[in-house]
Amino acid sequence: RAIDRVIGGLEKKNSVINVEERRTVAFHESGHAVVSWFLQYADPLLKVSIVPRGTAALGFAQYLPSENVLITKEQLLDRICMILGGRAAEQVLLGKISTGATNDLEKVTQMAYAQ
């Protein structure tokens, strides 16, 4: 629990999330995990949580970061796919994509520009 607080921030005990939003977050985070499982260069998955923490996150997927300073194009593409896995899961399982997936788009856009 202490590690979760350091990495993800304090648990939002007063945060009220309805069942539909909780389901969306669960599908989104599991989408990251499932997609990463099938990717050759994805970082190993450590934990998935749908406990709201920090300032904005309603959930997170935590990975063991690579120690490589430089990454190949293939590694970068796998990371992008893993990040977009949450959005894909929402689209496939719910038929729509929530605004909670906006941060994922920002991340992959920055990664794509870096390439």
PDB file of N, CA and C in Angstrom:
ATOM      1  N   ARG A   1       0.817  -1.202   0.000  1.00  0.00           N
ATOM      2  CA  ARG A   1       0.000   0.000   0.000  1.00  0.00           C
ATOM      3  C   ARG A   1       0.854   1.256   0.000  1.00  0.00           C
ATOM      4  N   ALA A   2       1.963   1.229   0.729  1.00  0.00           N
ATOM      5  CA  ALA A   2       2.841   2.397   0.763  1.00  0.00           C
ATOM      6  C   ALA A   2       3.417   2.666  -0.617  1.00  0.00           C
ATOM      7  N   ILE A   3       3.776   1.615  -1.320  1.00  0.00           N
ATOM      8  CA  ILE A   3       4.319   1.773  -2.669  1.00  0.00           C
ATOM      9  C   ILE A   3       3.255   2.359  -3.588  1.00  0.00           C
ATOM     10  N   ASP A   4       2.019   1.887  -3.454  1.00  0.00           N
ATOM     11  CA  ASP A   4       0.920   2.439  -4.260  1.00  0.00           C
ATOM     12  C   ASP A   4       0.747   3.932  -4.007  1.00  0.00           C
ATOM     13  N   ARG A   5       0.884   4.353  -2.758  1.00  0.00           N
ATOM     14  CA  ARG A   5       0.739   5.782  -2.428  1.00  0.00           C
ATOM     15  C   ARG A   5       1.849   6.600  -3.060  1.00  0.00           C
ATOM     16  N   VAL A   6       3.071   6.069  -3.041  1.00  0.00           N
ATOM     17  CA  VAL A   6       4.203   6.801  -3.611  1.00  0.00           C
ATOM     18  C   VAL A   6       4.063   6.901  -5.127  1.00  0.00           C
ATOM     19  N   ILE A   7       3.706   5.806  -5.761  1.00  0.00           N
ATOM     20  CA  ILE A   7       3.635   5.780  -7.222  1.00  0.00           C
ATOM     21  C   ILE A   7       2.383   6.468  -7.758  1.00  0.00           C
ATOM     22  N   GLY A   8       1.230   6.148  -7.194  1.00  0.00           N
ATOM     23  CA  GLY A   8      -0.022   6.646  -7.751  1.00  0.00           C
ATOM     24  C   GLY A   8      -0.657   7.793  -7.009  1.00  0.00           C
ATOM     25  N   GLY A   9      -0.142   8.114  -5.828  1.00  0.00           N
ATOM     26  CA  GLY A   9      -0.749   9.166  -5.027  1.00  0.00           C
ATOM     27  C   GLY A   9      -1.698   8.579  -4.002  1.00  0.00           C
ATOM     28  N   LEU A  10      -2.256   9.447  -3.195  1.00  0.00           N
ATOM     29  CA  LEU A  10      -3.182   9.014  -2.156  1.00  0.00           C
ATOM     30  C   LEU A  10      -4.486   8.516  -2.768  1.00  0.00           C
ATOM     31  N   GLU A  11      -5.061   7.509  -2.134  1.00  0.00           N
ATOM     32  CA  GLU A  11      -6.350   6.999  -2.577  1.00  0.00           C
ATOM     33  C   GLU A  11      -7.415   8.060  -2.334  1.00  0.00           C
ATOM     34  N   LYS A  12      -8.288   8.241  -3.310  1.00  0.00           N
ATOM     35  CA  LYS A  12      -9.372   9.218  -3.180  1.00  0.00           C
ATOM     36  C   LYS A  12     -10.547   8.545  -2.487  1.00  0.00           C
ATOM     37  N   LYS A  13     -10.563   8.589  -1.174  1.00  0.00           N
ATOM     38  CA  LYS A  13     -11.613   7.920  -0.398  1.00  0.00           C
ATOM     39  C   LYS A  13     -12.977   8.571  -0.619  1.00  0.00           C
ATOM     40  N   ASN A  14     -12.989   9.875  -0.872  1.00  0.00           N
ATOM     41  CA  ASN A  14     -14.267  10.570  -1.040  1.00  0.00           C
ATOM     42  C   ASN A  14     -14.741  10.583  -2.492  1.00  0.00           C
ATOM     43  N   SER A  15     -13.976   9.962  -3.374  1.00  0.00           N
ATOM     44  CA  SER A  15     -14.343   9.922  -4.781  1.00  0.00           C
ATOM     45  C   SER A  15     -15.470   8.914  -5.000  1.00  0.00           C
ATOM     46  N   VAL A  16     -16.570   9.397  -5.548  1.00  0.00           N
ATOM     47  CA  VAL A  16     -17.712   8.529  -5.816  1.00  0.00           C
ATOM     48  C   VAL A  16     -17.762   8.275  -7.319  1.00  0.00           C
ATOM     49  N   ILE A  17     -17.551   7.031  -7.686  1.00  0.00           N
ATOM     50  CA  ILE A  17     -17.578   6.653  -9.094  1.00  0.00           C
ATOM     51  C   ILE A  17     -18.747   5.700  -9.285  1.00  0.00           C
ATOM     52  N   ASN A  18     -19.608   6.018 -10.231  1.00  0.00           N
ATOM     53  CA  ASN A  18     -20.761   5.143 -10.442  1.00  0.00           C
ATOM     54  C   ASN A  18     -20.327   3.841 -11.112  1.00  0.00           C
ATOM     55  N   VAL A  19     -21.219   2.889 -11.128  1.00  0.00           N
ATOM     56  CA  VAL A  19     -20.913   1.547 -11.623  1.00  0.00           C
ATOM     57  C   VAL A  19     -20.471   1.576 -13.083  1.00  0.00           C
ATOM     58  N   GLU A  20     -21.121   2.383 -13.900  1.00  0.00           N
ATOM     59  CA  GLU A  20     -20.772   2.449 -15.323  1.00  0.00           C
ATOM     60  C   GLU A  20     -19.363   3.004 -15.526  1.00  0.00           C
ATOM     61  N   GLU A  21     -19.005   4.053 -14.798  1.00  0.00           N
ATOM     62  CA  GLU A  21     -17.658   4.617 -14.908  1.00  0.00           C
ATOM     63  C   GLU A  21     -16.613   3.624 -14.414  1.00  0.00           C
ATOM     64  N   ARG A  22     -16.916   2.943 -13.324  1.00  0.00           N
ATOM     65  CA  ARG A  22     -15.986   1.951 -12.778  1.00  0.00           C
ATOM     66  C   ARG A  22     -15.758   0.827 -13.796  1.00  0.00           C
ATOM     67  N   ARG A  23     -16.820   0.433 -14.465  1.00  0.00           N
ATOM     68  CA  ARG A  23     -16.732  -0.601 -15.503  1.00  0.00           C
ATOM     69  C   ARG A  23     -15.880  -0.111 -16.674  1.00  0.00           C
ATOM     70  N   THR A  24     -16.077   1.131 -17.075  1.00  0.00           N
ATOM     71  CA  THR A  24     -15.284   1.708 -18.157  1.00  0.00           C
ATOM     72  C   THR A  24     -13.808   1.735 -17.791  1.00  0.00           C
ATOM     73  N   VAL A  25     -13.496   2.171 -16.575  1.00  0.00           N
ATOM     74  CA  VAL A  25     -12.099   2.217 -16.117  1.00  0.00           C
ATOM     75  C   VAL A  25     -11.511   0.807 -16.084  1.00  0.00           C
ATOM     76  N   ALA A  26     -12.289  -0.163 -15.625  1.00  0.00           N
ATOM     77  CA  ALA A  26     -11.807  -1.547 -15.568  1.00  0.00           C
ATOM     78  C   ALA A  26     -11.500  -2.080 -16.967  1.00  0.00           C
ATOM     79  N   PHE A  27     -12.389  -1.835 -17.925  1.00  0.00           N
ATOM     80  CA  PHE A  27     -12.138  -2.267 -19.298  1.00  0.00           C
ATOM     81  C   PHE A  27     -10.916  -1.562 -19.870  1.00  0.00           C
ATOM     82  N   HIS A  28     -10.802  -0.272 -19.604  1.00  0.00           N
ATOM     83  CA  HIS A  28      -9.686   0.516 -20.124  1.00  0.00           C
ATOM     84  C   HIS A  28      -8.350  -0.017 -19.605  1.00  0.00           C
ATOM     85  N   GLU A  29      -8.249  -0.170 -18.296  1.00  0.00           N
ATOM     86  CA  GLU A  29      -6.984  -0.625 -17.709  1.00  0.00           C
ATOM     87  C   GLU A  29      -6.666  -2.063 -18.102  1.00  0.00           C
ATOM     88  N   SER A  30      -7.681  -2.904 -18.180  1.00  0.00           N
ATOM     89  CA  SER A  30      -7.429  -4.281 -18.608  1.00  0.00           C
ATOM     90  C   SER A  30      -7.012  -4.314 -20.077  1.00  0.00           C
ATOM     91  N   GLY A  31      -7.487  -3.363 -20.863  1.00  0.00           N
ATOM     92  CA  GLY A  31      -7.062  -3.270 -22.260  1.00  0.00           C
ATOM     93  C   GLY A  31      -5.571  -3.032 -22.383  1.00  0.00           C
ATOM     94  N   HIS A  32      -5.034  -2.132 -21.547  1.00  0.00           N
ATOM     95  CA  HIS A  32      -3.580  -1.928 -21.532  1.00  0.00           C
ATOM     96  C   HIS A  32      -2.870  -3.248 -21.241  1.00  0.00           C
ATOM     97  N   ALA A  33      -3.342  -3.947 -20.213  1.00  0.00           N
ATOM     98  CA  ALA A  33      -2.687  -5.177 -19.763  1.00  0.00           C
ATOM     99  C   ALA A  33      -2.752  -6.282 -20.816  1.00  0.00           C
ATOM    100  N   VAL A  34      -3.920  -6.481 -21.402  1.00  0.00           N
ATOM    101  CA  VAL A  34      -4.082  -7.560 -22.379  1.00  0.00           C
ATOM    102  C   VAL A  34      -3.241  -7.297 -23.620  1.00  0.00           C
ATOM    103  N   VAL A  35      -3.271  -6.083 -24.123  1.00  0.00           N
ATOM    104  CA  VAL A  35      -2.478  -5.762 -25.311  1.00  0.00           C
ATOM    105  C   VAL A  35      -0.990  -5.948 -25.026  1.00  0.00           C
ATOM    106  N   SER A  36      -0.530  -5.488 -23.872  1.00  0.00           N
ATOM    107  CA  SER A  36       0.903  -5.610 -23.560  1.00  0.00           C
ATOM    108  C   SER A  36       1.334  -7.068 -23.459  1.00  0.00           C
ATOM    109  N   TRP A  37       0.426  -7.940 -23.034  1.00  0.00           N
ATOM    110  CA  TRP A  37       0.740  -9.368 -22.908  1.00  0.00           C
ATOM    111  C   TRP A  37       1.162  -9.958 -24.256  1.00  0.00           C
ATOM    112  N   PHE A  38       0.579  -9.466 -25.342  1.00  0.00           N
ATOM    113  CA  PHE A  38       0.828 -10.028 -26.661  1.00  0.00           C
ATOM    114  C   PHE A  38       1.935  -9.316 -27.441  1.00  0.00           C
ATOM    115  N   LEU A  39       2.538  -8.292 -26.865  1.00  0.00           N
ATOM    116  CA  LEU A  39       3.570  -7.535 -27.574  1.00  0.00           C
ATOM    117  C   LEU A  39       4.964  -8.015 -27.188  1.00  0.00           C
ATOM    118  N   GLN A  40       5.807  -8.161 -28.184  1.00  0.00           N
ATOM    119  CA  GLN A  40       7.161  -8.669 -27.962  1.00  0.00           C
ATOM    120  C   GLN A  40       8.010  -7.735 -27.106  1.00  0.00           C
ATOM    121  N   TYR A  41       7.874  -6.440 -27.299  1.00  0.00           N
ATOM    122  CA  TYR A  41       8.770  -5.490 -26.634  1.00  0.00           C
ATOM    123  C   TYR A  41       8.121  -4.702 -25.497  1.00  0.00           C
ATOM    124  N   ALA A  42       6.938  -5.078 -25.075  1.00  0.00           N
ATOM    125  CA  ALA A  42       6.275  -4.351 -23.983  1.00  0.00           C
ATOM    126  C   ALA A  42       6.993  -4.612 -22.664  1.00  0.00           C
ATOM    127  N   ASP A  43       7.034  -3.599 -21.809  1.00  0.00           N
ATOM    128  CA  ASP A  43       7.612  -3.769 -20.476  1.00  0.00           C
ATOM    129  C   ASP A  43       6.730  -4.729 -19.675  1.00  0.00           C
ATOM    130  N   PRO A  44       7.328  -5.510 -18.765  1.00  0.00           N
ATOM    131  CA  PRO A  44       6.539  -6.464 -17.967  1.00  0.00           C
ATOM    132  C   PRO A  44       5.517  -5.755 -17.069  1.00  0.00           C
ATOM    133  N   LEU A  45       4.310  -6.281 -17.034  1.00  0.00           N
ATOM    134  CA  LEU A  45       3.230  -5.726 -16.221  1.00  0.00           C
ATOM    135  C   LEU A  45       3.437  -6.095 -14.759  1.00  0.00           C
ATOM    136  N   LEU A  46       3.333  -5.102 -13.875  1.00  0.00           N
ATOM    137  CA  LEU A  46       3.444  -5.338 -12.438  1.00  0.00           C
ATOM    138  C   LEU A  46       2.081  -5.352 -11.760  1.00  0.00           C
ATOM    139  N   LYS A  47       1.217  -4.413 -12.125  1.00  0.00           N
ATOM    140  CA  LYS A  47      -0.044  -4.268 -11.403  1.00  0.00           C
ATOM    141  C   LYS A  47      -1.040  -3.461 -12.225  1.00  0.00           C
ATOM    142  N   VAL A  48      -2.314  -3.807 -12.067  1.00  0.00           N
ATOM    143  CA  VAL A  48      -3.408  -3.027 -12.640  1.00  0.00           C
ATOM    144  C   VAL A  48      -4.346  -2.677 -11.497  1.00  0.00           C
ATOM    145  N   SER A  49      -4.786  -1.422 -11.440  1.00  0.00           N
ATOM    146  CA  SER A  49      -5.672  -0.985 -10.368  1.00  0.00           C
ATOM    147  C   SER A  49      -6.756  -0.069 -10.919  1.00  0.00           C
ATOM    148  N   ILE A  50      -7.952  -0.190 -10.350  1.00  0.00           N
ATOM    149  CA  ILE A  50      -9.029   0.751 -10.683  1.00  0.00           C
ATOM    150  C   ILE A  50      -9.423   1.538  -9.437  1.00  0.00           C
ATOM    151  N   VAL A  51      -8.488   1.653  -8.509  1.00  0.00           N
ATOM    152  CA  VAL A  51      -8.691   2.479  -7.322  1.00  0.00           C
ATOM    153  C   VAL A  51      -8.285   3.903  -7.686  1.00  0.00           C
ATOM    154  N   PRO A  52      -9.192   4.879  -7.587  1.00  0.00           N
ATOM    155  CA  PRO A  52      -8.835   6.262  -7.918  1.00  0.00           C
ATOM    156  C   PRO A  52      -7.723   6.778  -6.998  1.00  0.00           C
ATOM    157  N   ARG A  53      -6.689   7.357  -7.604  1.00  0.00           N
ATOM    158  CA  ARG A  53      -5.555   7.887  -6.840  1.00  0.00           C
ATOM    159  C   ARG A  53      -5.087   9.192  -7.458  1.00  0.00           C
ATOM    160  N   GLY A  54      -4.358   9.969  -6.692  1.00  0.00           N
ATOM    161  CA  GLY A  54      -3.726  11.174  -7.200  1.00  0.00           C
ATOM    162  C   GLY A  54      -4.720  12.243  -7.604  1.00  0.00           C
ATOM    163  N   THR A  55      -4.283  13.084  -8.522  1.00  0.00           N
ATOM    164  CA  THR A  55      -5.090  14.236  -8.897  1.00  0.00           C
ATOM    165  C   THR A  55      -6.120  13.925  -9.973  1.00  0.00           C
ATOM    166  N   ALA A  56      -5.837  12.960 -10.851  1.00  0.00           N
ATOM    167  CA  ALA A  56      -6.766  12.737 -11.951  1.00  0.00           C
ATOM    168  C   ALA A  56      -7.036  11.269 -12.258  1.00  0.00           C
ATOM    169  N   ALA A  57      -6.089  10.396 -12.004  1.00  0.00           N
ATOM    170  CA  ALA A  57      -6.202   9.012 -12.458  1.00  0.00           C
ATOM    171  C   ALA A  57      -7.316   8.252 -11.746  1.00  0.00           C
ATOM    172  N   LEU A  58      -8.156   7.601 -12.540  1.00  0.00           N
ATOM    173  CA  LEU A  58      -9.201   6.739 -11.984  1.00  0.00           C
ATOM    174  C   LEU A  58      -8.715   5.300 -11.885  1.00  0.00           C
ATOM    175  N   GLY A  59      -7.587   5.029 -12.513  1.00  0.00           N
ATOM    176  CA  GLY A  59      -6.976   3.711 -12.485  1.00  0.00           C
ATOM    177  C   GLY A  59      -5.627   3.784 -13.168  1.00  0.00           C
ATOM    178  N   PHE A  60      -4.871   2.695 -13.093  1.00  0.00           N
ATOM    179  CA  PHE A  60      -3.575   2.684 -13.763  1.00  0.00           C
ATOM    180  C   PHE A  60      -3.098   1.263 -13.995  1.00  0.00           C
ATOM    181  N   ALA A  61      -2.235   1.124 -14.973  1.00  0.00           N
ATOM    182  CA  ALA A  61      -1.505  -0.113 -15.218  1.00  0.00           C
ATOM    183  C   ALA A  61      -0.039   0.234 -14.986  1.00  0.00           C
ATOM    184  N   GLN A  62       0.608  -0.515 -14.125  1.00  0.00           N
ATOM    185  CA  GLN A  62       1.995  -0.230 -13.758  1.00  0.00           C
ATOM    186  C   GLN A  62       2.902  -1.291 -14.370  1.00  0.00           C
ATOM    187  N   TYR A  63       3.988  -0.845 -14.982  1.00  0.00           N
ATOM    188  CA  TYR A  63       4.924  -1.740 -15.657  1.00  0.00           C
ATOM    189  C   TYR A  63       6.312  -1.594 -15.058  1.00  0.00           C
ATOM    190  N   LEU A  64       7.104  -2.658 -15.181  1.00  0.00           N
ATOM    191  CA  LEU A  64       8.503  -2.611 -14.787  1.00  0.00           C
ATOM    192  C   LEU A  64       9.240  -1.894 -15.906  1.00  0.00           C
ATOM    193  N   PRO A  65       9.779  -0.711 -15.635  1.00  0.00           N
ATOM    194  CA  PRO A  65      10.398   0.055 -16.721  1.00  0.00           C
ATOM    195  C   PRO A  65      11.678  -0.596 -17.231  1.00  0.00           C
ATOM    196  N   SER A  66      11.899  -0.420 -18.512  1.00  0.00           N
ATOM    197  CA  SER A  66      13.112  -0.927 -19.144  1.00  0.00           C
ATOM    198  C   SER A  66      14.305  -0.105 -18.681  1.00  0.00           C
ATOM    199  N   GLU A  67      15.449  -0.756 -18.572  1.00  0.00           N
ATOM    200  CA  GLU A  67      16.662  -0.041 -18.179  1.00  0.00           C
ATOM    201  C   GLU A  67      17.391   0.535 -19.384  1.00  0.00           C
ATOM    202  N   ASN A  68      16.878   0.269 -20.581  1.00  0.00           N
ATOM    203  CA  ASN A  68      17.515   0.784 -21.789  1.00  0.00           C
ATOM    204  C   ASN A  68      17.328   2.293 -21.887  1.00  0.00           C
ATOM    205  N   VAL A  69      18.401   2.978 -22.238  1.00  0.00           N
ATOM    206  CA  VAL A  69      18.329   4.418 -22.454  1.00  0.00           C
ATOM    207  C   VAL A  69      17.797   4.693 -23.861  1.00  0.00           C
ATOM    208  N   LEU A  70      18.259   3.915 -24.803  1.00  0.00           N
ATOM    209  CA  LEU A  70      17.809   4.046 -26.184  1.00  0.00           C
ATOM    210  C   LEU A  70      16.834   2.920 -26.490  1.00  0.00           C
ATOM    211  N   ILE A  71      15.795   3.242 -27.245  1.00  0.00           N
ATOM    212  CA  ILE A  71      14.859   2.195 -27.632  1.00  0.00           C
ATOM    213  C   ILE A  71      14.741   2.160 -29.148  1.00  0.00           C
ATOM    214  N   THR A  72      14.447   0.984 -29.667  1.00  0.00           N
ATOM    215  CA  THR A  72      14.314   0.817 -31.109  1.00  0.00           C
ATOM    216  C   THR A  72      12.927   1.262 -31.563  1.00  0.00           C
ATOM    217  N   LYS A  73      12.779   1.379 -32.862  1.00  0.00           N
ATOM    218  CA  LYS A  73      11.478   1.739 -33.426  1.00  0.00           C
ATOM    219  C   LYS A  73      10.435   0.684 -33.061  1.00  0.00           C
ATOM    220  N   GLU A  74      10.828  -0.586 -33.094  1.00  0.00           N
ATOM    221  CA  GLU A  74       9.903  -1.673 -32.755  1.00  0.00           C
ATOM    222  C   GLU A  74       9.446  -1.574 -31.303  1.00  0.00           C
ATOM    223  N   GLN A  75      10.367  -1.252 -30.403  1.00  0.00           N
ATOM    224  CA  GLN A  75      10.014  -1.086 -28.991  1.00  0.00           C
ATOM    225  C   GLN A  75       9.057   0.094 -28.807  1.00  0.00           C
ATOM    226  N   LEU A  76       9.329   1.174 -29.511  1.00  0.00           N
ATOM    227  CA  LEU A  76       8.472   2.358 -29.430  1.00  0.00           C
ATOM    228  C   LEU A  76       7.063   2.053 -29.942  1.00  0.00           C
ATOM    229  N   LEU A  77       6.977   1.351 -31.062  1.00  0.00           N
ATOM    230  CA  LEU A  77       5.665   1.001 -31.613  1.00  0.00           C
ATOM    231  C   LEU A  77       4.885   0.093 -30.664  1.00  0.00           C
ATOM    232  N   ASP A  78       5.582  -0.836 -30.000  1.00  0.00           N
ATOM    233  CA  ASP A  78       4.901  -1.697 -29.028  1.00  0.00           C
ATOM    234  C   ASP A  78       4.405  -0.887 -27.835  1.00  0.00           C
ATOM    235  N   ARG A  79       5.173   0.089 -27.393  1.00  0.00           N
ATOM    236  CA  ARG A  79       4.727   0.944 -26.282  1.00  0.00           C
ATOM    237  C   ARG A  79       3.497   1.753 -26.685  1.00  0.00           C
ATOM    238  N   ILE A  80       3.510   2.254 -27.904  1.00  0.00           N
ATOM    239  CA  ILE A  80       2.357   3.006 -28.395  1.00  0.00           C
ATOM    240  C   ILE A  80       1.119   2.107 -28.450  1.00  0.00           C
ATOM    241  N   CYS A  81       1.290   0.893 -28.958  1.00  0.00           N
ATOM    242  CA  CYS A  81       0.161  -0.055 -29.008  1.00  0.00           C
ATOM    243  C   CYS A  81      -0.360  -0.362 -27.615  1.00  0.00           C
ATOM    244  N   MET A  82       0.543  -0.553 -26.666  1.00  0.00           N
ATOM    245  CA  MET A  82       0.146  -0.864 -25.294  1.00  0.00           C
ATOM    246  C   MET A  82      -0.654   0.289 -24.694  1.00  0.00           C
ATOM    247  N   ILE A  83      -0.195   1.503 -24.912  1.00  0.00           N
ATOM    248  CA  ILE A  83      -0.895   2.670 -24.374  1.00  0.00           C
ATOM    249  C   ILE A  83      -2.279   2.815 -25.012  1.00  0.00           C
ATOM    250  N   LEU A  84      -2.371   2.558 -26.307  1.00  0.00           N
ATOM    251  CA  LEU A  84      -3.655   2.675 -26.997  1.00  0.00           C
ATOM    252  C   LEU A  84      -4.580   1.485 -26.736  1.00  0.00           C
ATOM    253  N   GLY A  85      -4.060   0.450 -26.089  1.00  0.00           N
ATOM    254  CA  GLY A  85      -4.873  -0.726 -25.771  1.00  0.00           C
ATOM    255  C   GLY A  85      -6.079  -0.401 -24.908  1.00  0.00           C
ATOM    256  N   GLY A  86      -5.950   0.586 -24.038  1.00  0.00           N
ATOM    257  CA  GLY A  86      -7.073   0.994 -23.195  1.00  0.00           C
ATOM    258  C   GLY A  86      -8.204   1.588 -24.014  1.00  0.00           C
ATOM    259  N   ARG A  87      -7.857   2.457 -24.952  1.00  0.00           N
ATOM    260  CA  ARG A  87      -8.863   3.058 -25.839  1.00  0.00           C
ATOM    261  C   ARG A  87      -9.517   1.986 -26.703  1.00  0.00           C
ATOM    262  N   ALA A  88      -8.697   1.064 -27.216  1.00  0.00           N
ATOM    263  CA  ALA A  88      -9.223  -0.006 -28.066  1.00  0.00           C
ATOM    264  C   ALA A  88     -10.214  -0.872 -27.289  1.00  0.00           C
ATOM    265  N   ALA A  89      -9.882  -1.183 -26.043  1.00  0.00           N
ATOM    266  CA  ALA A  89     -10.781  -2.001 -25.222  1.00  0.00           C
ATOM    267  C   ALA A  89     -12.115  -1.289 -25.006  1.00  0.00           C
ATOM    268  N   GLU A  90     -12.067   0.005 -24.760  1.00  0.00           N
ATOM    269  CA  GLU A  90     -13.314   0.760 -24.590  1.00  0.00           C
ATOM    270  C   GLU A  90     -14.161   0.685 -25.857  1.00  0.00           C
ATOM    271  N   GLN A  91     -13.526   0.880 -27.014  1.00  0.00           N
ATOM    272  CA  GLN A  91     -14.266   0.868 -28.278  1.00  0.00           C
ATOM    273  C   GLN A  91     -14.862  -0.509 -28.553  1.00  0.00           C
ATOM    274  N   VAL A  92     -14.060  -1.556 -28.360  1.00  0.00           N
ATOM    275  CA  VAL A  92     -14.517  -2.913 -28.665  1.00  0.00           C
ATOM    276  C   VAL A  92     -15.580  -3.386 -27.674  1.00  0.00           C
ATOM    277  N   LEU A  93     -15.350  -3.165 -26.394  1.00  0.00           N
ATOM    278  CA  LEU A  93     -16.235  -3.723 -25.368  1.00  0.00           C
ATOM    279  C   LEU A  93     -17.442  -2.845 -25.042  1.00  0.00           C
ATOM    280  N   LEU A  94     -17.287  -1.527 -25.208  1.00  0.00           N
ATOM    281  CA  LEU A  94     -18.373  -0.609 -24.851  1.00  0.00           C
ATOM    282  C   LEU A  94     -18.992   0.094 -26.055  1.00  0.00           C
ATOM    283  N   GLY A  95     -18.285   0.058 -27.182  1.00  0.00           N
ATOM    284  CA  GLY A  95     -18.790   0.726 -28.377  1.00  0.00           C
ATOM    285  C   GLY A  95     -18.569   2.223 -28.381  1.00  0.00           C
ATOM    286  N   LYS A  96     -17.796   2.733 -27.426  1.00  0.00           N
ATOM    287  CA  LYS A  96     -17.506   4.166 -27.343  1.00  0.00           C
ATOM    288  C   LYS A  96     -16.212   4.360 -26.555  1.00  0.00           C
ATOM    289  N   ILE A  97     -15.624   5.539 -26.715  1.00  0.00           N
ATOM    290  CA  ILE A  97     -14.375   5.867 -26.023  1.00  0.00           C
ATOM    291  C   ILE A  97     -14.643   7.041 -25.099  1.00  0.00           C
ATOM    292  N   SER A  98     -14.179   6.930 -23.860  1.00  0.00           N
ATOM    293  CA  SER A  98     -14.419   7.979 -22.863  1.00  0.00           C
ATOM    294  C   SER A  98     -13.341   9.055 -22.912  1.00  0.00           C
ATOM    295  N   THR A  99     -13.611  10.158 -22.246  1.00  0.00           N
ATOM    296  CA  THR A  99     -12.622  11.235 -22.154  1.00  0.00           C
ATOM    297  C   THR A  99     -11.457  10.839 -21.255  1.00  0.00           C
ATOM    298  N   GLY A 100     -11.624   9.796 -20.468  1.00  0.00           N
ATOM    299  CA  GLY A 100     -10.534   9.323 -19.618  1.00  0.00           C
ATOM    300  C   GLY A 100      -9.344   8.822 -20.415  1.00  0.00           C
ATOM    301  N   ALA A 101      -9.565   8.535 -21.692  1.00  0.00           N
ATOM    302  CA  ALA A 101      -8.491   8.036 -22.544  1.00  0.00           C
ATOM    303  C   ALA A 101      -7.703   9.157 -23.217  1.00  0.00           C
ATOM    304  N   THR A 102      -8.038  10.397 -22.930  1.00  0.00           N
ATOM    305  CA  THR A 102      -7.361  11.540 -23.551  1.00  0.00           C
ATOM    306  C   THR A 102      -5.882  11.575 -23.212  1.00  0.00           C
ATOM    307  N   ASN A 103      -5.535  11.281 -21.974  1.00  0.00           N
ATOM    308  CA  ASN A 103      -4.138  11.293 -21.559  1.00  0.00           C
ATOM    309  C   ASN A 103      -3.316  10.294 -22.371  1.00  0.00           C
ATOM    310  N   ASP A 104      -3.904   9.169 -22.729  1.00  0.00           N
ATOM    311  CA  ASP A 104      -3.201   8.181 -23.540  1.00  0.00           C
ATOM    312  C   ASP A 104      -2.845   8.765 -24.907  1.00  0.00           C
ATOM    313  N   LEU A 105      -3.756   9.528 -25.497  1.00  0.00           N
ATOM    314  CA  LEU A 105      -3.470  10.161 -26.791  1.00  0.00           C
ATOM    315  C   LEU A 105      -2.325  11.153 -26.681  1.00  0.00           C
ATOM    316  N   GLU A 106      -2.298  11.905 -25.589  1.00  0.00           N
ATOM    317  CA  GLU A 106      -1.211  12.860 -25.377  1.00  0.00           C
ATOM    318  C   GLU A 106       0.129  12.135 -25.282  1.00  0.00           C
ATOM    319  N   LYS A 107       0.160  11.031 -24.561  1.00  0.00           N
ATOM    320  CA  LYS A 107       1.400  10.258 -24.406  1.00  0.00           C
ATOM    321  C   LYS A 107       1.905   9.733 -25.744  1.00  0.00           C
ATOM    322  N   VAL A 108       1.009   9.100 -26.518  1.00  0.00           N
ATOM    323  CA  VAL A 108       1.473   8.508 -27.776  1.00  0.00           C
ATOM    324  C   VAL A 108       1.838   9.579 -28.793  1.00  0.00           C
ATOM    325  N   THR A 109       1.191  10.724 -28.740  1.00  0.00           N
ATOM    326  CA  THR A 109       1.555  11.818 -29.639  1.00  0.00           C
ATOM    327  C   THR A 109       2.970  12.286 -29.346  1.00  0.00           C
ATOM    328  N   GLN A 110       3.302  12.466 -28.074  1.00  0.00           N
ATOM    329  CA  GLN A 110       4.665  12.851 -27.695  1.00  0.00           C
ATOM    330  C   GLN A 110       5.672  11.786 -28.113  1.00  0.00           C
ATOM    331  N   MET A 111       5.324  10.526 -27.933  1.00  0.00           N
ATOM    332  CA  MET A 111       6.228   9.441 -28.314  1.00  0.00           C
ATOM    333  C   MET A 111       6.443   9.414 -29.823  1.00  0.00           C
ATOM    334  N   ALA A 112       5.381   9.637 -30.585  1.00  0.00           N
ATOM    335  CA  ALA A 112       5.487   9.619 -32.042  1.00  0.00           C
ATOM    336  C   ALA A 112       6.359  10.766 -32.540  1.00  0.00           C
ATOM    337  N   TYR A 113       6.219  11.938 -31.929  1.00  0.00           N
ATOM    338  CA  TYR A 113       7.062  13.066 -32.317  1.00  0.00           C
ATOM    339  C   TYR A 113       8.524  12.811 -31.977  1.00  0.00           C
ATOM    340  N   ALA A 114       8.782  12.044 -30.940  1.00  0.00           N
ATOM    341  CA  ALA A 114      10.157  11.746 -30.531  1.00  0.00           C
ATOM    342  C   ALA A 114      10.847  10.820 -31.524  1.00  0.00           C
ATOM    343  N   GLN A 115      10.080  10.086 -32.298  1.00  0.00           N
ATOM    344  CA  GLN A 115      10.661   9.115 -33.228  1.00  0.00           C
ATOM    345  C   GLN A 115      11.148   9.794 -34.463  1.00  0.00           C
TER     346      GLN A 115
END
